[in-house]
Amino acid sequence: MSAQEIIAQLPKLSAKEREMILSKLVSLDTPFEPSPAMEQAIREGLRSVRERTYSAVELRSRVAEWTAR
C-alpha cells in the first residue's frame, strides 16, 4: 500500500484509530515525548488531509511551522 493510499484512508478512521496511528508513528522514530503543540500540529495535519493532499516536503514544512509556534 502506498503512502497516498494510506493517507486517503485516514479520514475514514475513527478519532481513536487515528490517535493509535499517531502514537505508533511517533514511537517509530527516536523515543521522545511529543509536546502538546507537536501532537496538535500532527492532528491538524491529519485533518487537513480531508481538504487537500500535501507532498511529504510540504507536510514537513507545515509541521515545522505549526510546532514553531
N, C-alpha and C. Protein backbone atom coordinates (compact mmCIF):
# COMPACT_ATOMS: atom_id res chain seq x y z
N MET A 1 0.86 -1.17 0.00
CA MET A 1 0.00 0.00 0.00
C MET A 1 0.91 1.24 0.00
N SER A 2 0.61 2.18 -0.86
CA SER A 2 1.42 3.38 -0.96
C SER A 2 1.05 4.39 0.13
N ALA A 3 1.91 5.35 0.33
CA ALA A 3 1.64 6.40 1.30
C ALA A 3 0.38 7.16 0.91
N GLN A 4 0.19 7.42 -0.38
CA GLN A 4 -1.01 8.13 -0.84
C GLN A 4 -2.27 7.35 -0.50
N GLU A 5 -2.21 6.02 -0.66
CA GLU A 5 -3.37 5.19 -0.35
C GLU A 5 -3.67 5.21 1.15
N ILE A 6 -2.63 5.17 1.95
CA ILE A 6 -2.80 5.23 3.40
C ILE A 6 -3.42 6.58 3.78
N ILE A 7 -2.87 7.65 3.26
CA ILE A 7 -3.37 8.99 3.56
C ILE A 7 -4.83 9.14 3.15
N ALA A 8 -5.20 8.56 2.03
CA ALA A 8 -6.58 8.65 1.55
C ALA A 8 -7.54 7.94 2.50
N GLN A 9 -7.07 6.95 3.22
CA GLN A 9 -7.93 6.20 4.14
C GLN A 9 -8.06 6.86 5.51
N LEU A 10 -7.16 7.76 5.88
CA LEU A 10 -7.18 8.35 7.22
C LEU A 10 -8.51 9.01 7.58
N PRO A 11 -9.15 9.77 6.69
CA PRO A 11 -10.42 10.39 7.07
C PRO A 11 -11.53 9.39 7.38
N LYS A 12 -11.38 8.17 6.93
CA LYS A 12 -12.40 7.15 7.16
C LYS A 12 -12.28 6.51 8.54
N LEU A 13 -11.17 6.75 9.23
CA LEU A 13 -10.93 6.15 10.53
C LEU A 13 -11.58 6.96 11.64
N SER A 14 -11.84 6.30 12.75
CA SER A 14 -12.37 7.00 13.92
C SER A 14 -11.25 7.81 14.56
N ALA A 15 -11.63 8.73 15.42
CA ALA A 15 -10.64 9.53 16.13
C ALA A 15 -9.71 8.63 16.95
N LYS A 16 -10.27 7.61 17.57
CA LYS A 16 -9.46 6.69 18.37
C LYS A 16 -8.45 5.95 17.50
N GLU A 17 -8.88 5.52 16.32
CA GLU A 17 -7.97 4.82 15.40
C GLU A 17 -6.85 5.75 14.94
N ARG A 18 -7.20 7.01 14.63
CA ARG A 18 -6.16 7.97 14.22
C ARG A 18 -5.18 8.24 15.36
N GLU A 19 -5.69 8.32 16.58
CA GLU A 19 -4.80 8.50 17.74
C GLU A 19 -3.84 7.32 17.88
N MET A 20 -4.34 6.10 17.66
CA MET A 20 -3.50 4.91 17.71
C MET A 20 -2.39 4.99 16.67
N ILE A 21 -2.76 5.40 15.47
CA ILE A 21 -1.78 5.51 14.38
C ILE A 21 -0.76 6.60 14.70
N LEU A 22 -1.24 7.72 15.20
CA LEU A 22 -0.34 8.81 15.58
C LEU A 22 0.67 8.33 16.62
N SER A 23 0.21 7.62 17.63
CA SER A 23 1.11 7.11 18.67
C SER A 23 2.15 6.17 18.08
N LYS A 24 1.72 5.31 17.16
CA LYS A 24 2.66 4.36 16.55
C LYS A 24 3.69 5.10 15.69
N LEU A 25 3.24 6.08 14.92
CA LEU A 25 4.18 6.84 14.08
C LEU A 25 5.22 7.55 14.93
N VAL A 26 4.79 8.13 16.02
CA VAL A 26 5.71 8.84 16.90
C VAL A 26 6.71 7.86 17.50
N SER A 27 6.25 6.67 17.86
CA SER A 27 7.14 5.71 18.51
C SER A 27 8.15 5.07 17.56
N LEU A 28 7.94 5.19 16.25
CA LEU A 28 8.87 4.58 15.29
C LEU A 28 10.20 5.32 15.22
N ASP A 29 10.19 6.59 15.50
CA ASP A 29 11.42 7.38 15.48
C ASP A 29 12.12 7.27 16.82
N THR A 30 13.16 8.03 16.96
CA THR A 30 13.88 8.08 18.23
C THR A 30 12.89 8.37 19.34
N PRO A 31 12.94 7.59 20.42
CA PRO A 31 11.98 7.81 21.51
C PRO A 31 12.05 9.24 22.04
N PHE A 32 10.91 9.85 22.17
CA PHE A 32 10.81 11.17 22.75
C PHE A 32 9.36 11.40 23.18
N GLU A 33 9.16 12.38 23.99
CA GLU A 33 7.82 12.76 24.42
C GLU A 33 7.39 13.95 23.58
N PRO A 34 6.41 13.77 22.70
CA PRO A 34 5.96 14.92 21.91
C PRO A 34 5.28 15.95 22.80
N SER A 35 5.52 17.18 22.48
CA SER A 35 4.87 18.26 23.23
C SER A 35 3.40 18.32 22.81
N PRO A 36 2.57 18.91 23.65
CA PRO A 36 1.17 19.09 23.25
C PRO A 36 1.05 19.86 21.93
N ALA A 37 1.92 20.83 21.71
CA ALA A 37 1.88 21.60 20.46
C ALA A 37 2.20 20.72 19.27
N MET A 38 3.15 19.80 19.43
CA MET A 38 3.51 18.91 18.34
C MET A 38 2.37 17.94 18.04
N GLU A 39 1.76 17.39 19.08
CA GLU A 39 0.62 16.49 18.86
C GLU A 39 -0.52 17.23 18.17
N GLN A 40 -0.76 18.47 18.58
CA GLN A 40 -1.81 19.27 17.95
C GLN A 40 -1.48 19.54 16.49
N ALA A 41 -0.21 19.82 16.19
CA ALA A 41 0.20 20.08 14.81
C ALA A 41 -0.03 18.84 13.95
N ILE A 42 0.27 17.68 14.49
CA ILE A 42 0.06 16.45 13.74
C ILE A 42 -1.43 16.23 13.51
N ARG A 43 -2.24 16.47 14.53
CA ARG A 43 -3.69 16.32 14.37
C ARG A 43 -4.22 17.27 13.29
N GLU A 44 -3.72 18.52 13.31
CA GLU A 44 -4.14 19.48 12.28
C GLU A 44 -3.73 18.99 10.90
N GLY A 45 -2.55 18.43 10.79
CA GLY A 45 -2.08 17.90 9.52
C GLY A 45 -2.96 16.75 9.04
N LEU A 46 -3.33 15.88 9.96
CA LEU A 46 -4.21 14.77 9.59
C LEU A 46 -5.59 15.28 9.16
N ARG A 47 -6.11 16.28 9.87
CA ARG A 47 -7.40 16.86 9.48
C ARG A 47 -7.31 17.52 8.11
N SER A 48 -6.17 18.14 7.82
CA SER A 48 -6.03 18.86 6.55
C SER A 48 -6.04 17.90 5.35
N VAL A 49 -5.76 16.62 5.61
CA VAL A 49 -5.76 15.63 4.53
C VAL A 49 -7.12 15.60 3.85
N ARG A 50 -8.17 15.82 4.62
CA ARG A 50 -9.51 15.81 4.04
C ARG A 50 -9.70 16.95 3.05
N GLU A 51 -8.99 18.04 3.26
CA GLU A 51 -9.14 19.22 2.43
C GLU A 51 -8.23 19.20 1.22
N ARG A 52 -7.01 18.74 1.41
CA ARG A 52 -6.01 18.79 0.34
C ARG A 52 -4.92 17.77 0.62
N THR A 53 -4.34 17.24 -0.41
CA THR A 53 -3.23 16.31 -0.26
C THR A 53 -1.93 17.10 -0.36
N TYR A 54 -1.06 16.91 0.61
CA TYR A 54 0.24 17.59 0.63
C TYR A 54 1.34 16.60 0.30
N SER A 55 2.36 17.09 -0.37
CA SER A 55 3.54 16.25 -0.59
C SER A 55 4.28 16.10 0.74
N ALA A 56 5.18 15.15 0.81
CA ALA A 56 5.96 14.96 2.04
C ALA A 56 6.74 16.22 2.38
N VAL A 57 7.29 16.88 1.38
CA VAL A 57 8.06 18.11 1.61
C VAL A 57 7.15 19.20 2.19
N GLU A 58 5.96 19.37 1.58
CA GLU A 58 5.01 20.38 2.08
C GLU A 58 4.56 20.05 3.50
N LEU A 59 4.29 18.79 3.77
CA LEU A 59 3.83 18.39 5.09
C LEU A 59 4.91 18.65 6.14
N ARG A 60 6.15 18.29 5.84
CA ARG A 60 7.24 18.57 6.79
C ARG A 60 7.36 20.06 7.07
N SER A 61 7.23 20.85 6.03
CA SER A 61 7.31 22.31 6.19
C SER A 61 6.17 22.82 7.06
N ARG A 62 4.96 22.34 6.82
CA ARG A 62 3.79 22.79 7.61
C ARG A 62 3.93 22.35 9.07
N VAL A 63 4.36 21.11 9.30
CA VAL A 63 4.53 20.64 10.68
C VAL A 63 5.59 21.49 11.38
N ALA A 64 6.66 21.82 10.67
CA ALA A 64 7.70 22.68 11.25
C ALA A 64 7.14 24.04 11.63
N GLU A 65 6.31 24.59 10.78
CA GLU A 65 5.68 25.89 11.07
C GLU A 65 4.77 25.78 12.29
N TRP A 66 3.94 24.74 12.33
CA TRP A 66 2.99 24.58 13.43
C TRP A 66 3.71 24.37 14.77
N THR A 67 4.79 23.62 14.76
CA THR A 67 5.48 23.31 16.02
C THR A 67 6.38 24.45 16.46
N ALA A 68 6.65 25.40 15.58
CA ALA A 68 7.49 26.55 15.94
C ALA A 68 6.71 27.61 16.72
N ARG A 69 5.40 27.48 16.74
CA ARG A 69 4.56 28.47 17.42
C ARG A 69 4.72 28.44 18.90
